[in-house]
Amino acid sequence: MPKSVHSERHRMIAAALATQRRAKGMSQAEVAAALGRHQPFIANIESGERRVDLVELLDLARIIDLDVVAMVRELVRKSESADPS
């Protein structure tokens, strides 16, 4: 099993965060500032170089108005459809 930081599901989370951030018209620096972090923190998450834990995900979601429940449902749906068993 590959490390989750390089898994398809992790890439989907990173893409969802980046897409929603852009849809809100926010820069990585603005999101980072709202979290009290530096811009590379967000860049590393969005590029897949850094894992995001649940608490960080919830904080990011609040700032960029991301529906975490809908995102998780989509991850589950795609995971189940990709599962050959």
PDB file of N, CA and C in Angstrom:
ATOM      1  N   MET A   1       0.844  -1.178   0.000  1.00  0.00           N
ATOM      2  CA  MET A   1       0.000   0.000   0.000  1.00  0.00           C
ATOM      3  C   MET A   1       0.891   1.244   0.000  1.00  0.00           C
ATOM      4  N   PRO A   2       0.650   2.195  -0.919  1.00  0.00           N
ATOM      5  CA  PRO A   2       1.471   3.409  -0.964  1.00  0.00           C
ATOM      6  C   PRO A   2       1.181   4.303   0.228  1.00  0.00           C
ATOM      7  N   LYS A   3       2.158   5.106   0.595  1.00  0.00           N
ATOM      8  CA  LYS A   3       1.915   6.077   1.650  1.00  0.00           C
ATOM      9  C   LYS A   3       0.763   6.970   1.236  1.00  0.00           C
ATOM     10  N   SER A   4      -0.068   7.348   2.205  1.00  0.00           N
ATOM     11  CA  SER A   4      -1.267   8.116   1.882  1.00  0.00           C
ATOM     12  C   SER A   4      -0.960   9.478   1.275  1.00  0.00           C
ATOM     13  N   VAL A   5       0.222  10.024   1.565  1.00  0.00           N
ATOM     14  CA  VAL A   5       0.561  11.331   1.001  1.00  0.00           C
ATOM     15  C   VAL A   5       0.666  11.252  -0.524  1.00  0.00           C
ATOM     16  N   HIS A   6       0.874  10.053  -1.051  1.00  0.00           N
ATOM     17  CA  HIS A   6       0.976   9.884  -2.495  1.00  0.00           C
ATOM     18  C   HIS A   6      -0.192   9.106  -3.079  1.00  0.00           C
ATOM     19  N   SER A   7      -1.222   8.865  -2.290  1.00  0.00           N
ATOM     20  CA  SER A   7      -2.361   8.093  -2.766  1.00  0.00           C
ATOM     21  C   SER A   7      -3.276   8.953  -3.630  1.00  0.00           C
ATOM     22  N   GLU A   8      -4.078   8.292  -4.410  1.00  0.00           N
ATOM     23  CA  GLU A   8      -5.056   8.995  -5.244  1.00  0.00           C
ATOM     24  C   GLU A   8      -6.023   9.795  -4.372  1.00  0.00           C
ATOM     25  N   ARG A   9      -6.441   9.233  -3.261  1.00  0.00           N
ATOM     26  CA  ARG A   9      -7.375   9.950  -2.382  1.00  0.00           C
ATOM     27  C   ARG A   9      -6.726  11.207  -1.810  1.00  0.00           C
ATOM     28  N   HIS A  10      -5.451  11.130  -1.456  1.00  0.00           N
ATOM     29  CA  HIS A  10      -4.789  12.321  -0.945  1.00  0.00           C
ATOM     30  C   HIS A  10      -4.685  13.381  -2.033  1.00  0.00           C
ATOM     31  N   ARG A  11      -4.394  12.955  -3.249  1.00  0.00           N
ATOM     32  CA  ARG A  11      -4.341  13.909  -4.371  1.00  0.00           C
ATOM     33  C   ARG A  11      -5.709  14.558  -4.587  1.00  0.00           C
ATOM     34  N   MET A  12      -6.763  13.784  -4.401  1.00  0.00           N
ATOM     35  CA  MET A  12      -8.113  14.334  -4.563  1.00  0.00           C
ATOM     36  C   MET A  12      -8.415  15.387  -3.496  1.00  0.00           C
ATOM     37  N   ILE A  13      -7.978  15.133  -2.274  1.00  0.00           N
ATOM     38  CA  ILE A  13      -8.180  16.113  -1.199  1.00  0.00           C
ATOM     39  C   ILE A  13      -7.405  17.390  -1.510  1.00  0.00           C
ATOM     40  N   ALA A  14      -6.157  17.244  -1.900  1.00  0.00           N
ATOM     41  CA  ALA A  14      -5.333  18.408  -2.227  1.00  0.00           C
ATOM     42  C   ALA A  14      -5.949  19.204  -3.371  1.00  0.00           C
ATOM     43  N   ALA A  15      -6.447  18.502  -4.384  1.00  0.00           N
ATOM     44  CA  ALA A  15      -7.070  19.178  -5.527  1.00  0.00           C
ATOM     45  C   ALA A  15      -8.348  19.897  -5.107  1.00  0.00           C
ATOM     46  N   ALA A  16      -9.140  19.263  -4.248  1.00  0.00           N
ATOM     47  CA  ALA A  16     -10.379  19.898  -3.781  1.00  0.00           C
ATOM     48  C   ALA A  16     -10.070  21.173  -3.004  1.00  0.00           C
ATOM     49  N   LEU A  17      -9.054  21.118  -2.174  1.00  0.00           N
ATOM     50  CA  LEU A  17      -8.669  22.314  -1.414  1.00  0.00           C
ATOM     51  C   LEU A  17      -8.203  23.433  -2.339  1.00  0.00           C
ATOM     52  N   ALA A  18      -7.361  23.099  -3.294  1.00  0.00           N
ATOM     53  CA  ALA A  18      -6.844  24.112  -4.219  1.00  0.00           C
ATOM     54  C   ALA A  18      -7.963  24.692  -5.080  1.00  0.00           C
ATOM     55  N   THR A  19      -8.833  23.824  -5.578  1.00  0.00           N
ATOM     56  CA  THR A  19      -9.934  24.274  -6.429  1.00  0.00           C
ATOM     57  C   THR A  19     -10.871  25.213  -5.673  1.00  0.00           C
ATOM     58  N   GLN A  20     -11.215  24.837  -4.448  1.00  0.00           N
ATOM     59  CA  GLN A  20     -12.129  25.677  -3.668  1.00  0.00           C
ATOM     60  C   GLN A  20     -11.464  26.980  -3.248  1.00  0.00           C
ATOM     61  N   ARG A  21     -10.183  26.921  -2.932  1.00  0.00           N
ATOM     62  CA  ARG A  21      -9.472  28.160  -2.584  1.00  0.00           C
ATOM     63  C   ARG A  21      -9.524  29.140  -3.747  1.00  0.00           C
ATOM     64  N   ARG A  22      -9.252  28.622  -4.944  1.00  0.00           N
ATOM     65  CA  ARG A  22      -9.294  29.485  -6.134  1.00  0.00           C
ATOM     66  C   ARG A  22     -10.709  30.000  -6.389  1.00  0.00           C
ATOM     67  N   ALA A  23     -11.707  29.134  -6.205  1.00  0.00           N
ATOM     68  CA  ALA A  23     -13.100  29.537  -6.412  1.00  0.00           C
ATOM     69  C   ALA A  23     -13.501  30.663  -5.457  1.00  0.00           C
ATOM     70  N   LYS A  24     -12.914  30.662  -4.262  1.00  0.00           N
ATOM     71  CA  LYS A  24     -13.169  31.736  -3.303  1.00  0.00           C
ATOM     72  C   LYS A  24     -12.372  32.989  -3.625  1.00  0.00           C
ATOM     73  N   GLY A  25     -11.475  32.891  -4.615  1.00  0.00           N
ATOM     74  CA  GLY A  25     -10.663  34.038  -4.997  1.00  0.00           C
ATOM     75  C   GLY A  25      -9.575  34.360  -3.979  1.00  0.00           C
ATOM     76  N   MET A  26      -9.141  33.342  -3.258  1.00  0.00           N
ATOM     77  CA  MET A  26      -8.117  33.546  -2.239  1.00  0.00           C
ATOM     78  C   MET A  26      -6.771  33.015  -2.711  1.00  0.00           C
ATOM     79  N   SER A  27      -5.733  33.689  -2.316  1.00  0.00           N
ATOM     80  CA  SER A  27      -4.375  33.219  -2.606  1.00  0.00           C
ATOM     81  C   SER A  27      -3.952  32.248  -1.503  1.00  0.00           C
ATOM     82  N   GLN A  28      -2.901  31.501  -1.801  1.00  0.00           N
ATOM     83  CA  GLN A  28      -2.342  30.626  -0.771  1.00  0.00           C
ATOM     84  C   GLN A  28      -1.900  31.450   0.432  1.00  0.00           C
ATOM     85  N   ALA A  29      -1.337  32.597   0.184  1.00  0.00           N
ATOM     86  CA  ALA A  29      -0.864  33.462   1.272  1.00  0.00           C
ATOM     87  C   ALA A  29      -2.023  33.931   2.154  1.00  0.00           C
ATOM     88  N   GLU A  30      -3.162  34.244   1.545  1.00  0.00           N
ATOM     89  CA  GLU A  30      -4.319  34.686   2.325  1.00  0.00           C
ATOM     90  C   GLU A  30      -4.857  33.562   3.212  1.00  0.00           C
ATOM     91  N   VAL A  31      -4.929  32.356   2.653  1.00  0.00           N
ATOM     92  CA  VAL A  31      -5.402  31.213   3.441  1.00  0.00           C
ATOM     93  C   VAL A  31      -4.415  30.932   4.568  1.00  0.00           C
ATOM     94  N   ALA A  32      -3.138  30.948   4.247  1.00  0.00           N
ATOM     95  CA  ALA A  32      -2.116  30.707   5.259  1.00  0.00           C
ATOM     96  C   ALA A  32      -2.206  31.740   6.383  1.00  0.00           C
ATOM     97  N   ALA A  33      -2.371  32.994   6.032  1.00  0.00           N
ATOM     98  CA  ALA A  33      -2.472  34.049   7.040  1.00  0.00           C
ATOM     99  C   ALA A  33      -3.681  33.829   7.942  1.00  0.00           C
ATOM    100  N   ALA A  34      -4.793  33.390   7.360  1.00  0.00           N
ATOM    101  CA  ALA A  34      -5.988  33.121   8.153  1.00  0.00           C
ATOM    102  C   ALA A  34      -5.765  31.971   9.139  1.00  0.00           C
ATOM    103  N   LEU A  35      -4.840  31.087   8.798  1.00  0.00           N
ATOM    104  CA  LEU A  35      -4.490  29.969   9.681  1.00  0.00           C
ATOM    105  C   LEU A  35      -3.354  30.306  10.640  1.00  0.00           C
ATOM    106  N   GLY A  36      -2.733  31.459  10.434  1.00  0.00           N
ATOM    107  CA  GLY A  36      -1.568  31.815  11.234  1.00  0.00           C
ATOM    108  C   GLY A  36      -0.326  31.044  10.804  1.00  0.00           C
ATOM    109  N   ARG A  37      -0.280  30.686   9.520  1.00  0.00           N
ATOM    110  CA  ARG A  37       0.848  29.925   8.968  1.00  0.00           C
ATOM    111  C   ARG A  37       1.467  30.722   7.820  1.00  0.00           C
ATOM    112  N   HIS A  38       2.521  30.168   7.240  1.00  0.00           N
ATOM    113  CA  HIS A  38       3.176  30.789   6.098  1.00  0.00           C
ATOM    114  C   HIS A  38       2.663  30.148   4.812  1.00  0.00           C
ATOM    115  N   GLN A  39       2.790  30.857   3.696  1.00  0.00           N
ATOM    116  CA  GLN A  39       2.291  30.400   2.397  1.00  0.00           C
ATOM    117  C   GLN A  39       2.804  29.018   1.994  1.00  0.00           C
ATOM    118  N   PRO A  40       4.068  28.682   2.240  1.00  0.00           N
ATOM    119  CA  PRO A  40       4.535  27.345   1.841  1.00  0.00           C
ATOM    120  C   PRO A  40       3.763  26.200   2.497  1.00  0.00           C
ATOM    121  N   PHE A  41       3.185  26.443   3.659  1.00  0.00           N
ATOM    122  CA  PHE A  41       2.359  25.433   4.316  1.00  0.00           C
ATOM    123  C   PHE A  41       1.212  25.019   3.399  1.00  0.00           C
ATOM    124  N   ILE A  42       0.521  25.996   2.817  1.00  0.00           N
ATOM    125  CA  ILE A  42      -0.601  25.718   1.912  1.00  0.00           C
ATOM    126  C   ILE A  42      -0.080  25.134   0.604  1.00  0.00           C
ATOM    127  N   ALA A  43       1.000  25.681   0.083  1.00  0.00           N
ATOM    128  CA  ALA A  43       1.576  25.166  -1.165  1.00  0.00           C
ATOM    129  C   ALA A  43       1.941  23.691  -1.026  1.00  0.00           C
ATOM    130  N   ASN A  44       2.518  23.320   0.108  1.00  0.00           N
ATOM    131  CA  ASN A  44       2.911  21.929   0.318  1.00  0.00           C
ATOM    132  C   ASN A  44       1.709  21.003   0.434  1.00  0.00           C
ATOM    133  N   ILE A  45       0.640  21.466   1.014  1.00  0.00           N
ATOM    134  CA  ILE A  45      -0.584  20.665   1.076  1.00  0.00           C
ATOM    135  C   ILE A  45      -1.153  20.489  -0.323  1.00  0.00           C
ATOM    136  N   GLU A  46      -1.289  21.589  -1.044  1.00  0.00           N
ATOM    137  CA  GLU A  46      -1.894  21.538  -2.379  1.00  0.00           C
ATOM    138  C   GLU A  46      -1.054  20.749  -3.378  1.00  0.00           C
ATOM    139  N   SER A  47       0.248  20.729  -3.188  1.00  0.00           N
ATOM    140  CA  SER A  47       1.118  19.989  -4.104  1.00  0.00           C
ATOM    141  C   SER A  47       1.232  18.514  -3.724  1.00  0.00           C
ATOM    142  N   GLY A  48       0.687  18.157  -2.565  1.00  0.00           N
ATOM    143  CA  GLY A  48       0.752  16.769  -2.125  1.00  0.00           C
ATOM    144  C   GLY A  48       2.021  16.431  -1.373  1.00  0.00           C
ATOM    145  N   GLU A  49       2.839  17.419  -1.083  1.00  0.00           N
ATOM    146  CA  GLU A  49       4.073  17.173  -0.347  1.00  0.00           C
ATOM    147  C   GLU A  49       3.840  17.057   1.153  1.00  0.00           C
ATOM    148  N   ARG A  50       2.704  17.546   1.612  1.00  0.00           N
ATOM    149  CA  ARG A  50       2.400  17.520   3.042  1.00  0.00           C
ATOM    150  C   ARG A  50       1.002  16.954   3.258  1.00  0.00           C
ATOM    151  N   ARG A  51       0.901  16.077   4.250  1.00  0.00           N
ATOM    152  CA  ARG A  51      -0.402  15.540   4.622  1.00  0.00           C
ATOM    153  C   ARG A  51      -1.172  16.598   5.396  1.00  0.00           C
ATOM    154  N   VAL A  52      -2.470  16.525   5.309  1.00  0.00           N
ATOM    155  CA  VAL A  52      -3.318  17.418   6.088  1.00  0.00           C
ATOM    156  C   VAL A  52      -4.101  16.542   7.061  1.00  0.00           C
ATOM    157  N   ASP A  53      -4.043  16.889   8.353  1.00  0.00           N
ATOM    158  CA  ASP A  53      -4.800  16.090   9.311  1.00  0.00           C
ATOM    159  C   ASP A  53      -6.226  16.616   9.402  1.00  0.00           C
ATOM    160  N   LEU A  54      -7.060  15.912  10.131  1.00  0.00           N
ATOM    161  CA  LEU A  54      -8.481  16.251  10.172  1.00  0.00           C
ATOM    162  C   LEU A  54      -8.723  17.644  10.725  1.00  0.00           C
ATOM    163  N   VAL A  55      -8.025  17.998  11.783  1.00  0.00           N
ATOM    164  CA  VAL A  55      -8.209  19.326  12.376  1.00  0.00           C
ATOM    165  C   VAL A  55      -7.803  20.412  11.382  1.00  0.00           C
ATOM    166  N   GLU A  56      -6.670  20.213  10.703  1.00  0.00           N
ATOM    167  CA  GLU A  56      -6.235  21.182   9.690  1.00  0.00           C
ATOM    168  C   GLU A  56      -7.247  21.249   8.547  1.00  0.00           C
ATOM    169  N   LEU A  57      -7.757  20.097   8.147  1.00  0.00           N
ATOM    170  CA  LEU A  57      -8.743  20.071   7.067  1.00  0.00           C
ATOM    171  C   LEU A  57      -9.978  20.869   7.447  1.00  0.00           C
ATOM    172  N   LEU A  58     -10.454  20.686   8.658  1.00  0.00           N
ATOM    173  CA  LEU A  58     -11.638  21.432   9.108  1.00  0.00           C
ATOM    174  C   LEU A  58     -11.366  22.930   9.161  1.00  0.00           C
ATOM    175  N   ASP A  59     -10.183  23.314   9.620  1.00  0.00           N
ATOM    176  CA  ASP A  59      -9.828  24.731   9.659  1.00  0.00           C
ATOM    177  C   ASP A  59      -9.734  25.310   8.248  1.00  0.00           C
ATOM    178  N   LEU A  60      -9.075  24.588   7.353  1.00  0.00           N
ATOM    179  CA  LEU A  60      -8.983  25.037   5.957  1.00  0.00           C
ATOM    180  C   LEU A  60     -10.365  25.147   5.331  1.00  0.00           C
ATOM    181  N   ALA A  61     -11.183  24.138   5.560  1.00  0.00           N
ATOM    182  CA  ALA A  61     -12.525  24.117   4.978  1.00  0.00           C
ATOM    183  C   ALA A  61     -13.352  25.323   5.429  1.00  0.00           C
ATOM    184  N   ARG A  62     -13.235  25.677   6.693  1.00  0.00           N
ATOM    185  CA  ARG A  62     -13.978  26.833   7.211  1.00  0.00           C
ATOM    186  C   ARG A  62     -13.543  28.109   6.490  1.00  0.00           C
ATOM    187  N   ILE A  63     -12.265  28.251   6.275  1.00  0.00           N
ATOM    188  CA  ILE A  63     -11.736  29.465   5.649  1.00  0.00           C
ATOM    189  C   ILE A  63     -12.144  29.576   4.190  1.00  0.00           C
ATOM    190  N   ILE A  64     -12.147  28.456   3.471  1.00  0.00           N
ATOM    191  CA  ILE A  64     -12.436  28.500   2.027  1.00  0.00           C
ATOM    192  C   ILE A  64     -13.854  28.043   1.689  1.00  0.00           C
ATOM    193  N   ASP A  65     -14.671  27.810   2.718  1.00  0.00           N
ATOM    194  CA  ASP A  65     -16.064  27.375   2.528  1.00  0.00           C
ATOM    195  C   ASP A  65     -16.160  26.067   1.746  1.00  0.00           C
ATOM    196  N   LEU A  66     -15.348  25.102   2.136  1.00  0.00           N
ATOM    197  CA  LEU A  66     -15.384  23.783   1.517  1.00  0.00           C
ATOM    198  C   LEU A  66     -16.316  22.884   2.317  1.00  0.00           C
ATOM    199  N   ASP A  67     -17.224  22.206   1.646  1.00  0.00           N
ATOM    200  CA  ASP A  67     -18.125  21.256   2.284  1.00  0.00           C
ATOM    201  C   ASP A  67     -17.367  19.942   2.463  1.00  0.00           C
ATOM    202  N   VAL A  68     -16.826  19.738   3.657  1.00  0.00           N
ATOM    203  CA  VAL A  68     -15.998  18.559   3.932  1.00  0.00           C
ATOM    204  C   VAL A  68     -16.816  17.281   3.811  1.00  0.00           C
ATOM    205  N   VAL A  69     -18.049  17.303   4.269  1.00  0.00           N
ATOM    206  CA  VAL A  69     -18.892  16.103   4.201  1.00  0.00           C
ATOM    207  C   VAL A  69     -19.101  15.693   2.746  1.00  0.00           C
ATOM    208  N   ALA A  70     -19.391  16.640   1.888  1.00  0.00           N
ATOM    209  CA  ALA A  70     -19.574  16.333   0.463  1.00  0.00           C
ATOM    210  C   ALA A  70     -18.276  15.820  -0.142  1.00  0.00           C
ATOM    211  N   MET A  71     -17.154  16.406   0.249  1.00  0.00           N
ATOM    212  CA  MET A  71     -15.875  15.956  -0.275  1.00  0.00           C
ATOM    213  C   MET A  71     -15.589  14.518   0.148  1.00  0.00           C
ATOM    214  N   VAL A  72     -15.851  14.197   1.411  1.00  0.00           N
ATOM    215  CA  VAL A  72     -15.619  12.837   1.894  1.00  0.00           C
ATOM    216  C   VAL A  72     -16.548  11.854   1.193  1.00  0.00           C
ATOM    217  N   ARG A  73     -17.791  12.237   1.009  1.00  0.00           N
ATOM    218  CA  ARG A  73     -18.725  11.357   0.272  1.00  0.00           C
ATOM    219  C   ARG A  73     -18.206  11.070  -1.132  1.00  0.00           C
ATOM    220  N   GLU A  74     -17.676  12.081  -1.784  1.00  0.00           N
ATOM    221  CA  GLU A  74     -17.131  11.901  -3.133  1.00  0.00           C
ATOM    222  C   GLU A  74     -15.905  10.991  -3.101  1.00  0.00           C
ATOM    223  N   LEU A  75     -15.056  11.158  -2.107  1.00  0.00           N
ATOM    224  CA  LEU A  75     -13.889  10.281  -1.956  1.00  0.00           C
ATOM    225  C   LEU A  75     -14.331   8.832  -1.769  1.00  0.00           C
ATOM    226  N   VAL A  76     -15.320   8.618  -0.941  1.00  0.00           N
ATOM    227  CA  VAL A  76     -15.833   7.262  -0.688  1.00  0.00           C
ATOM    228  C   VAL A  76     -16.423   6.695  -1.970  1.00  0.00           C
ATOM    229  N   ARG A  77     -17.223   7.497  -2.657  1.00  0.00           N
ATOM    230  CA  ARG A  77     -17.858   7.050  -3.898  1.00  0.00           C
ATOM    231  C   ARG A  77     -16.809   6.632  -4.925  1.00  0.00           C
ATOM    232  N   LYS A  78     -15.811   7.468  -5.106  1.00  0.00           N
ATOM    233  CA  LYS A  78     -14.764   7.161  -6.082  1.00  0.00           C
ATOM    234  C   LYS A  78     -13.925   5.965  -5.636  1.00  0.00           C
ATOM    235  N   SER A  79     -13.677   5.852  -4.337  1.00  0.00           N
ATOM    236  CA  SER A  79     -12.909   4.714  -3.828  1.00  0.00           C
ATOM    237  C   SER A  79     -13.661   3.405  -4.046  1.00  0.00           C
ATOM    238  N   GLU A  80     -14.953   3.428  -3.800  1.00  0.00           N
ATOM    239  CA  GLU A  80     -15.751   2.217  -3.964  1.00  0.00           C
ATOM    240  C   GLU A  80     -15.871   1.821  -5.422  1.00  0.00           C
ATOM    241  N   SER A  81     -15.985   2.810  -6.299  1.00  0.00           N
ATOM    242  CA  SER A  81     -16.114   2.488  -7.722  1.00  0.00           C
ATOM    243  C   SER A  81     -14.783   1.990  -8.304  1.00  0.00           C
ATOM    244  N   ALA A  82     -13.673   2.342  -7.665  1.00  0.00           N
ATOM    245  CA  ALA A  82     -12.358   1.921  -8.133  1.00  0.00           C
ATOM    246  C   ALA A  82     -11.955   0.574  -7.536  1.00  0.00           C
ATOM    247  N   ASP A  83     -12.651   0.128  -6.486  1.00  0.00           N
ATOM    248  CA  ASP A  83     -12.327  -1.116  -5.802  1.00  0.00           C
ATOM    249  C   ASP A  83     -12.821  -2.301  -6.626  1.00  0.00           C
ATOM    250  N   PRO A  84     -11.924  -3.169  -7.091  1.00  0.00           N
ATOM    251  CA  PRO A  84     -12.327  -4.276  -7.942  1.00  0.00           C
ATOM    252  C   PRO A  84     -13.047  -5.394  -7.187  1.00  0.00           C
ATOM    253  N   SER A  85     -13.062  -5.377  -5.860  1.00  0.00           N
ATOM    254  CA  SER A  85     -13.705  -6.461  -5.096  1.00  0.00           C
ATOM    255  C   SER A  85     -15.192  -6.275  -4.973  1.00  0.00           C
TER     256      SER A  85
END
